[in-house]
């Protein structure tokens, strides 16, 4: 597969997080189910790893469902991989860089 055909997002360092930002726009619920983490030590303070994820997403407004109730469970939107670089800090191990690559996407 050519690199240009792979969907990927990349980020460095910590980003602010809040319950509101975790779900995106009002009424949109997302969850990532992560599995199969494989980590390789580079040296005493650096490592890299790959982890698979399933992304579930539901838009209550678009579906006409009650945002005060659990979202209906449908198939995942995306199956992808996180390619991470880890850094040991005084506070412990942190993700220094993350690239998210979509492998499968719901049609």
Protein backbone atom coordinates (compact mmCIF):
# COMPACT_ATOMS: atom_id res chain seq x y z
CA UNK A 1 0.00 0.00 0.00
CA UNK A 2 1.39 3.39 -0.94
CA UNK A 3 1.95 5.79 1.94
CA UNK A 4 -0.32 8.37 0.31
CA UNK A 5 -3.28 5.97 0.50
CA UNK A 6 -3.06 5.57 4.30
CA UNK A 7 -5.20 7.91 6.40
CA UNK A 8 -3.16 9.09 9.37
CA UNK A 9 -3.30 11.71 12.09
CA UNK A 10 -0.30 12.68 14.16
CA UNK A 11 0.18 14.53 17.43
CA UNK A 12 3.05 15.37 19.79
CA UNK A 13 3.01 15.88 23.54
CA UNK A 14 0.08 16.23 25.91
CA UNK A 15 -3.16 17.89 24.86
CA UNK A 16 -5.69 19.35 27.28
CA UNK A 17 -8.57 16.99 27.86
CA UNK A 18 -12.03 17.39 29.30
CA UNK A 19 -15.14 15.22 29.27
CA UNK A 20 -16.63 17.65 26.73
CA UNK A 21 -13.71 17.40 24.30
CA UNK A 22 -13.62 13.62 24.64
CA UNK A 23 -16.94 13.29 22.81
CA UNK A 24 -16.57 16.05 20.22
CA UNK A 25 -19.61 18.06 19.10
CA UNK A 26 -22.72 18.15 21.29
CA UNK A 27 -24.61 14.87 21.09
CA UNK A 28 -21.79 12.97 19.39
CA UNK A 29 -20.41 10.09 21.44
CA UNK A 30 -17.14 8.36 20.54
CA UNK A 31 -15.17 5.60 22.20
CA UNK A 32 -11.92 3.89 21.29
CA UNK A 33 -11.49 0.25 22.27
CA UNK A 34 -7.74 -0.48 22.31
CA UNK A 35 -6.03 -3.88 22.26
CA UNK A 36 -2.83 -5.79 21.48
CA UNK A 37 -0.28 -3.25 22.69
CA UNK A 38 3.25 -4.27 21.67
CA UNK A 39 6.08 -2.12 23.07
CA UNK A 40 9.75 -2.18 22.13
CA UNK A 41 12.37 -0.54 24.36
CA UNK A 42 14.77 1.75 22.49
CA UNK A 43 16.82 2.75 25.54
CA UNK A 44 16.22 3.44 29.25
CA UNK A 45 14.06 6.51 28.53
CA UNK A 46 12.51 5.84 25.11
CA UNK A 47 10.25 3.17 23.65
CA UNK A 48 7.91 2.71 20.71
CA UNK A 49 4.75 0.70 20.35
CA UNK A 50 1.84 -0.28 18.16
CA UNK A 51 -1.72 -0.80 19.38
CA UNK A 52 -4.92 -1.64 17.47
CA UNK A 53 -8.12 0.33 18.05
CA UNK A 54 -11.79 0.15 17.18
CA UNK A 55 -13.59 3.50 16.96
CA UNK A 56 -17.29 3.58 17.81
CA UNK A 57 -19.26 6.74 17.04
CA UNK A 58 -22.90 7.78 17.38
CA UNK A 59 -24.50 11.15 16.56
CA UNK A 60 -27.68 11.48 18.64
CA UNK A 61 -28.92 14.54 16.70
CA UNK A 62 -28.47 12.93 13.27
CA UNK A 63 -30.07 9.67 14.45
CA UNK A 64 -32.89 11.36 16.38
CA UNK A 65 -32.04 9.48 19.57
CA UNK A 66 -32.11 10.70 23.18
CA UNK A 67 -28.64 11.97 24.19
CA UNK A 68 -29.55 11.30 27.83
CA UNK A 69 -29.64 7.55 27.19
CA UNK A 70 -26.93 5.13 26.07
CA UNK A 71 -26.25 5.23 22.35
CA UNK A 72 -27.36 2.23 20.31
CA UNK A 73 -24.46 -0.13 19.62
CA UNK A 74 -23.65 -0.43 15.96
CA UNK A 75 -20.60 -1.65 14.09
CA UNK A 76 -17.33 0.26 14.57
CA UNK A 77 -16.59 3.24 12.32
CA UNK A 78 -12.91 2.42 11.97
CA UNK A 79 -10.34 -0.23 12.79
CA UNK A 80 -6.91 1.30 13.00
CA UNK A 81 -3.47 1.35 14.55
CA UNK A 82 -1.77 3.75 16.92
CA UNK A 83 1.97 4.03 16.32
CA UNK A 84 3.37 5.63 19.47
CA UNK A 85 6.70 6.90 20.75
CA UNK A 86 7.05 6.91 24.54
CA UNK A 87 9.27 9.04 26.75
CA UNK A 88 10.11 8.45 30.42
CA UNK A 89 9.66 11.68 32.41
CA UNK A 90 9.92 12.52 36.11
CA UNK A 91 6.18 11.75 36.29
CA UNK A 92 6.52 8.38 34.53
CA UNK A 93 6.11 7.16 30.96
CA UNK A 94 4.23 9.47 28.56
CA UNK A 95 3.21 9.32 24.91
CA UNK A 96 5.57 11.74 23.16
CA UNK A 97 4.20 11.18 19.64
CA UNK A 98 1.19 9.33 18.23
CA UNK A 99 0.27 8.53 14.64
CA UNK A 100 -3.21 7.07 14.10
CA UNK A 101 -3.62 5.09 10.88
CA UNK A 102 -7.01 3.95 9.65
CA UNK A 103 -6.86 0.39 8.26
CA UNK A 104 -10.58 -0.33 7.73
CA UNK A 105 -13.43 2.16 7.55
CA UNK A 106 -17.16 1.46 7.51
CA UNK A 107 -18.58 2.08 4.05
